[in-house]
Amino acid sequence: MVHSVLGQRDSDPDLVLTLQFSNPGSADRQQLVALANALRATAQELVPGVSTRARMDTAPAAAASKTEAIDAPLVIDLPARQVFSRGEPVSLSHTEFEILSHLARRPRVVVSRRRLLELSGNLGERERAGRSVDVHVSRVRTKLGRYGWLVSTVRGTGYRFDPDSRVRIITETAAA
């Protein structure tokens, strides 16, 4: 499946190609990169000046758009900065996404509240920050709904992301 989104950003067209393969054994990574490059070249021929980015996902087909069904109940697409729960987009603030992203990239690793406070940009405002990390983590858990338990509290230390086989985490885009 190939999905593309064409939009406008500062009058320069932007094309995002998402290549999703339900059978990752059918093509190796080099072939997938070659396909992405060929699609980029074709897009540039059709729309001169287009800026292209490609994202590859070789796990079973995920959502190609916000309205398509997602094969996993929770998808965290780190490069696209998107989260989908049961096919519906989850709206996270910048700080909430940074915290979730930081934790998801380090499954089972305890991350200190201080480090998460740095991510939230409140480290210099320590007096006002108070329990802001706890509030952000609480909001992430609430917005993840039934998967909120993926973010565990490690008492007196910080937080940890506990991975689950039903959760898809997309971590990289296709090579440019």
C-alpha atoms as a PDB file:
ATOM      1  CA  MET A   1       0.000   0.000   0.000  1.00  0.00           C
ATOM      2  CA  VAL A   2       1.289   3.455  -0.830  1.00  0.00           C
ATOM      3  CA  HIS A   3      -0.293   6.546   0.683  1.00  0.00           C
ATOM      4  CA  SER A   4       0.590  10.104  -0.085  1.00  0.00           C
ATOM      5  CA  VAL A   5      -0.446  13.425   1.327  1.00  0.00           C
ATOM      6  CA  LEU A   6       0.015  16.584  -0.705  1.00  0.00           C
ATOM      7  CA  GLY A   7      -0.300  19.821   1.189  1.00  0.00           C
ATOM      8  CA  GLN A   8       0.929  23.365   1.124  1.00  0.00           C
ATOM      9  CA  ARG A   9       3.523  24.817   3.461  1.00  0.00           C
ATOM     10  CA  ASP A  10       4.817  28.305   2.817  1.00  0.00           C
ATOM     11  CA  SER A  11       3.767  27.993  -0.843  1.00  0.00           C
ATOM     12  CA  ASP A  12       6.136  25.022  -1.381  1.00  0.00           C
ATOM     13  CA  PRO A  13       4.278  21.749  -1.908  1.00  0.00           C
ATOM     14  CA  ASP A  14       5.149  19.007   0.560  1.00  0.00           C
ATOM     15  CA  LEU A  15       4.611  15.330  -0.268  1.00  0.00           C
ATOM     16  CA  VAL A  16       4.806  12.633   2.384  1.00  0.00           C
ATOM     17  CA  LEU A  17       5.004   9.078   1.078  1.00  0.00           C
ATOM     18  CA  THR A  18       4.142   6.268   3.464  1.00  0.00           C
ATOM     19  CA  LEU A  19       5.082   2.804   2.240  1.00  0.00           C
ATOM     20  CA  GLN A  20       3.458  -0.003   4.181  1.00  0.00           C
ATOM     21  CA  PHE A  21       4.012  -3.677   3.531  1.00  0.00           C
ATOM     22  CA  SER A  22       1.986  -6.438   5.150  1.00  0.00           C
ATOM     23  CA  ASN A  23       4.604  -9.055   4.258  1.00  0.00           C
ATOM     24  CA  PRO A  24       8.028  -7.683   5.216  1.00  0.00           C
ATOM     25  CA  GLY A  25       9.720 -10.840   3.933  1.00  0.00           C
ATOM     26  CA  SER A  26       8.693 -10.018   0.368  1.00  0.00           C
ATOM     27  CA  ALA A  27      11.266  -7.245  -0.071  1.00  0.00           C
ATOM     28  CA  ASP A  28      14.466  -6.361   1.671  1.00  0.00           C
ATOM     29  CA  ARG A  29      15.262  -2.890   3.015  1.00  0.00           C
ATOM     30  CA  GLN A  30      17.376  -1.888  -0.016  1.00  0.00           C
ATOM     31  CA  GLN A  31      14.490  -2.692  -2.359  1.00  0.00           C
ATOM     32  CA  LEU A  32      12.118  -0.640  -0.219  1.00  0.00           C
ATOM     33  CA  VAL A  33      14.499   2.335  -0.226  1.00  0.00           C
ATOM     34  CA  ALA A  34      14.834   2.018  -4.020  1.00  0.00           C
ATOM     35  CA  LEU A  35      11.036   2.053  -4.345  1.00  0.00           C
ATOM     36  CA  ALA A  36      10.785   5.137  -2.119  1.00  0.00           C
ATOM     37  CA  ASN A  37      13.427   6.915  -4.197  1.00  0.00           C
ATOM     38  CA  ALA A  38      11.629   6.038  -7.450  1.00  0.00           C
ATOM     39  CA  LEU A  39       8.353   7.377  -6.048  1.00  0.00           C
ATOM     40  CA  ARG A  40      10.099  10.587  -4.953  1.00  0.00           C
ATOM     41  CA  ALA A  41      11.595  11.071  -8.428  1.00  0.00           C
ATOM     42  CA  THR A  42       8.190  10.545 -10.064  1.00  0.00           C
ATOM     43  CA  ALA A  43       6.581  13.022  -7.661  1.00  0.00           C
ATOM     44  CA  GLN A  44       9.213  15.626  -8.502  1.00  0.00           C
ATOM     45  CA  GLU A  45       8.565  15.125 -12.229  1.00  0.00           C
ATOM     46  CA  LEU A  46       4.818  15.582 -11.715  1.00  0.00           C
ATOM     47  CA  VAL A  47       5.041  18.482  -9.250  1.00  0.00           C
ATOM     48  CA  PRO A  48       8.194  20.562  -9.838  1.00  0.00           C
ATOM     49  CA  GLY A  49       9.681  21.949  -6.634  1.00  0.00           C
ATOM     50  CA  VAL A  50       7.882  19.461  -4.401  1.00  0.00           C
ATOM     51  CA  SER A  51       9.615  18.606  -1.136  1.00  0.00           C
ATOM     52  CA  THR A  52       9.309  14.884  -0.425  1.00  0.00           C
ATOM     53  CA  ARG A  53       9.704  12.707   2.636  1.00  0.00           C
ATOM     54  CA  ALA A  54       9.188   8.975   2.756  1.00  0.00           C
ATOM     55  CA  ARG A  55       8.307   6.812   5.730  1.00  0.00           C
ATOM     56  CA  MET A  56       8.555   3.033   5.562  1.00  0.00           C
ATOM     57  CA  ASP A  57       6.700   0.634   7.767  1.00  0.00           C
ATOM     58  CA  THR A  58       7.415  -3.046   7.155  1.00  0.00           C
ATOM     59  CA  ALA A  59       5.208  -4.299   9.951  1.00  0.00           C
ATOM     60  CA  PRO A  60       1.664  -5.354   9.103  1.00  0.00           C
ATOM     61  CA  ALA A  61      -0.223  -2.513   7.441  1.00  0.00           C
ATOM     62  CA  ALA A  62      -0.987   0.366   9.774  1.00  0.00           C
ATOM     63  CA  ALA A  63      -3.182   3.350   9.124  1.00  0.00           C
ATOM     64  CA  ALA A  64      -2.425   5.169   5.916  1.00  0.00           C
ATOM     65  CA  SER A  65      -4.763   7.957   6.878  1.00  0.00           C
ATOM     66  CA  LYS A  66      -6.691   9.095   9.895  1.00  0.00           C
ATOM     67  CA  THR A  67      -9.861   7.481   8.585  1.00  0.00           C
ATOM     68  CA  GLU A  68      -8.411   4.063   7.692  1.00  0.00           C
ATOM     69  CA  ALA A  69      -8.533   1.212  10.136  1.00  0.00           C
ATOM     70  CA  ILE A  70      -5.356   0.517  12.086  1.00  0.00           C
ATOM     71  CA  ASP A  71      -4.319  -3.081  12.615  1.00  0.00           C
ATOM     72  CA  ALA A  72      -2.972  -2.379  16.105  1.00  0.00           C
ATOM     73  CA  PRO A  73      -5.140  -0.928  18.854  1.00  0.00           C
ATOM     74  CA  LEU A  74      -2.459   1.686  19.609  1.00  0.00           C
ATOM     75  CA  VAL A  75       0.046   3.101  17.108  1.00  0.00           C
ATOM     76  CA  ILE A  76       2.768   5.558  18.132  1.00  0.00           C
ATOM     77  CA  ASP A  77       4.337   7.023  15.002  1.00  0.00           C
ATOM     78  CA  LEU A  78       7.377   8.870  16.334  1.00  0.00           C
ATOM     79  CA  PRO A  79       8.650  10.438  13.063  1.00  0.00           C
ATOM     80  CA  ALA A  80       5.169  11.701  12.161  1.00  0.00           C
ATOM     81  CA  ARG A  81       4.518  12.760  15.775  1.00  0.00           C
ATOM     82  CA  GLN A  82       1.139  11.025  15.716  1.00  0.00           C
ATOM     83  CA  VAL A  83      -0.631   8.606  18.017  1.00  0.00           C
ATOM     84  CA  PHE A  84      -3.693   6.561  17.042  1.00  0.00           C
ATOM     85  CA  SER A  85      -5.915   4.658  19.439  1.00  0.00           C
ATOM     86  CA  ARG A  86      -8.285   2.214  17.747  1.00  0.00           C
ATOM     87  CA  GLY A  87      -7.891   4.119  14.476  1.00  0.00           C
ATOM     88  CA  GLU A  88      -8.673   7.514  15.964  1.00  0.00           C
ATOM     89  CA  PRO A  89      -6.018  10.204  16.356  1.00  0.00           C
ATOM     90  CA  VAL A  90      -4.980  11.018  19.911  1.00  0.00           C
ATOM     91  CA  SER A  91      -4.355  14.723  20.396  1.00  0.00           C
ATOM     92  CA  LEU A  92      -1.270  15.223  22.544  1.00  0.00           C
ATOM     93  CA  SER A  93       0.307  18.562  23.366  1.00  0.00           C
ATOM     94  CA  HIS A  94       3.918  19.119  22.342  1.00  0.00           C
ATOM     95  CA  THR A  95       5.164  18.346  25.857  1.00  0.00           C
ATOM     96  CA  GLU A  96       2.926  15.279  26.230  1.00  0.00           C
ATOM     97  CA  PHE A  97       4.221  13.883  22.945  1.00  0.00           C
ATOM     98  CA  GLU A  98       7.848  14.615  23.919  1.00  0.00           C
ATOM     99  CA  ILE A  99       7.408  12.714  27.169  1.00  0.00           C
ATOM    100  CA  LEU A 100       5.678   9.747  25.505  1.00  0.00           C
ATOM    101  CA  SER A 101       8.252   9.705  22.698  1.00  0.00           C
ATOM    102  CA  HIS A 102      11.181   9.803  25.113  1.00  0.00           C
ATOM    103  CA  LEU A 103       9.750   6.938  27.138  1.00  0.00           C
ATOM    104  CA  ALA A 104       8.675   4.845  24.114  1.00  0.00           C
ATOM    105  CA  ARG A 105      12.145   5.081  22.562  1.00  0.00           C
ATOM    106  CA  ARG A 106      13.550   3.555  25.764  1.00  0.00           C
ATOM    107  CA  PRO A 107      11.210   0.695  26.686  1.00  0.00           C
ATOM    108  CA  ARG A 108      11.632  -0.673  30.211  1.00  0.00           C
ATOM    109  CA  VAL A 109      14.162   2.065  31.078  1.00  0.00           C
ATOM    110  CA  VAL A 110      13.325   4.272  34.036  1.00  0.00           C
ATOM    111  CA  VAL A 111      13.531   7.961  33.118  1.00  0.00           C
ATOM    112  CA  SER A 112      13.880  10.432  35.965  1.00  0.00           C
ATOM    113  CA  ARG A 113      11.350  13.174  36.608  1.00  0.00           C
ATOM    114  CA  ARG A 114      14.209  15.653  36.238  1.00  0.00           C
ATOM    115  CA  ARG A 115      14.941  14.431  32.677  1.00  0.00           C
ATOM    116  CA  LEU A 116      11.261  14.644  31.786  1.00  0.00           C
ATOM    117  CA  LEU A 117      11.160  18.110  33.321  1.00  0.00           C
ATOM    118  CA  GLU A 118      13.972  19.086  30.942  1.00  0.00           C
ATOM    119  CA  LEU A 119      11.881  17.823  28.020  1.00  0.00           C
ATOM    120  CA  SER A 120       8.936  19.913  29.147  1.00  0.00           C
ATOM    121  CA  GLY A 121      11.082  23.060  29.131  1.00  0.00           C
ATOM    122  CA  ASN A 122      10.255  23.836  32.755  1.00  0.00           C
ATOM    123  CA  LEU A 123      13.617  23.051  34.316  1.00  0.00           C
ATOM    124  CA  GLY A 124      14.568  26.733  34.633  1.00  0.00           C
ATOM    125  CA  GLU A 125      11.226  27.485  36.258  1.00  0.00           C
ATOM    126  CA  ARG A 126      11.605  24.946  39.032  1.00  0.00           C
ATOM    127  CA  GLU A 127       9.415  26.824  41.523  1.00  0.00           C
ATOM    128  CA  ARG A 128       6.531  27.112  39.057  1.00  0.00           C
ATOM    129  CA  ALA A 129       7.112  23.657  37.548  1.00  0.00           C
ATOM    130  CA  GLY A 130       6.157  21.870  40.756  1.00  0.00           C
ATOM    131  CA  ARG A 131       4.527  18.623  39.740  1.00  0.00           C
ATOM    132  CA  SER A 132       4.108  19.588  36.063  1.00  0.00           C
ATOM    133  CA  VAL A 133       5.758  16.355  34.874  1.00  0.00           C
ATOM    134  CA  ASP A 134       3.264  14.365  36.924  1.00  0.00           C
ATOM    135  CA  VAL A 135       0.415  16.368  35.387  1.00  0.00           C
ATOM    136  CA  HIS A 136       1.723  15.818  31.841  1.00  0.00           C
ATOM    137  CA  VAL A 137       2.200  12.086  32.449  1.00  0.00           C
ATOM    138  CA  SER A 138      -1.302  11.895  33.910  1.00  0.00           C
ATOM    139  CA  ARG A 139      -2.707  13.562  30.783  1.00  0.00           C
ATOM    140  CA  VAL A 140      -0.781  11.172  28.533  1.00  0.00           C
ATOM    141  CA  ARG A 141      -2.209   8.216  30.441  1.00  0.00           C
ATOM    142  CA  THR A 142      -5.721   9.630  30.229  1.00  0.00           C
ATOM    143  CA  LYS A 143      -5.438  10.295  26.493  1.00  0.00           C
ATOM    144  CA  LEU A 144      -4.064   6.792  25.855  1.00  0.00           C
ATOM    145  CA  GLY A 145      -7.222   5.440  27.475  1.00  0.00           C
ATOM    146  CA  ARG A 146      -7.073   1.716  28.106  1.00  0.00           C
ATOM    147  CA  TYR A 147      -3.356   1.794  27.232  1.00  0.00           C
ATOM    148  CA  GLY A 148      -2.474   4.415  29.819  1.00  0.00           C
ATOM    149  CA  TRP A 149      -0.923   1.678  31.940  1.00  0.00           C
ATOM    150  CA  LEU A 150       1.954   1.520  29.435  1.00  0.00           C
ATOM    151  CA  VAL A 151       3.469   4.475  31.296  1.00  0.00           C
ATOM    152  CA  SER A 152       4.380   3.197  34.758  1.00  0.00           C
ATOM    153  CA  THR A 153       5.399   5.171  37.795  1.00  0.00           C
ATOM    154  CA  VAL A 154       8.605   3.986  39.437  1.00  0.00           C
ATOM    155  CA  ARG A 155       8.132   5.372  42.885  1.00  0.00           C
ATOM    156  CA  GLY A 156      10.773   7.832  44.006  1.00  0.00           C
ATOM    157  CA  THR A 157      12.598   7.606  40.660  1.00  0.00           C
ATOM    158  CA  GLY A 158      10.551   8.494  37.602  1.00  0.00           C
ATOM    159  CA  TYR A 159       8.571   6.817  34.838  1.00  0.00           C
ATOM    160  CA  ARG A 160       8.961   3.832  32.527  1.00  0.00           C
ATOM    161  CA  PHE A 161       7.320   2.736  29.265  1.00  0.00           C
ATOM    162  CA  ASP A 162       6.202  -0.897  29.474  1.00  0.00           C
ATOM    163  CA  PRO A 163       5.851  -2.220  25.907  1.00  0.00           C
ATOM    164  CA  ASP A 164       3.013  -4.479  24.838  1.00  0.00           C
ATOM    165  CA  SER A 165       2.828  -6.704  21.752  1.00  0.00           C
ATOM    166  CA  ARG A 166      -0.463  -5.059  20.720  1.00  0.00           C
ATOM    167  CA  VAL A 167       1.162  -1.621  20.500  1.00  0.00           C
ATOM    168  CA  ARG A 168       2.979  -0.566  17.319  1.00  0.00           C
ATOM    169  CA  ILE A 169       5.793   1.955  17.636  1.00  0.00           C
ATOM    170  CA  ILE A 170       7.110   3.327  14.347  1.00  0.00           C
ATOM    171  CA  THR A 171      10.598   4.656  14.980  1.00  0.00           C
ATOM    172  CA  GLU A 172      12.193   5.544  11.658  1.00  0.00           C
ATOM    173  CA  THR A 173      11.473   7.054   8.281  1.00  0.00           C
ATOM    174  CA  ALA A 174      12.746   5.800   4.960  1.00  0.00           C
ATOM    175  CA  ALA A 175      16.236   6.908   3.958  1.00  0.00           C
ATOM    176  CA  ALA A 176      16.240  10.145   1.960  1.00  0.00           C
END
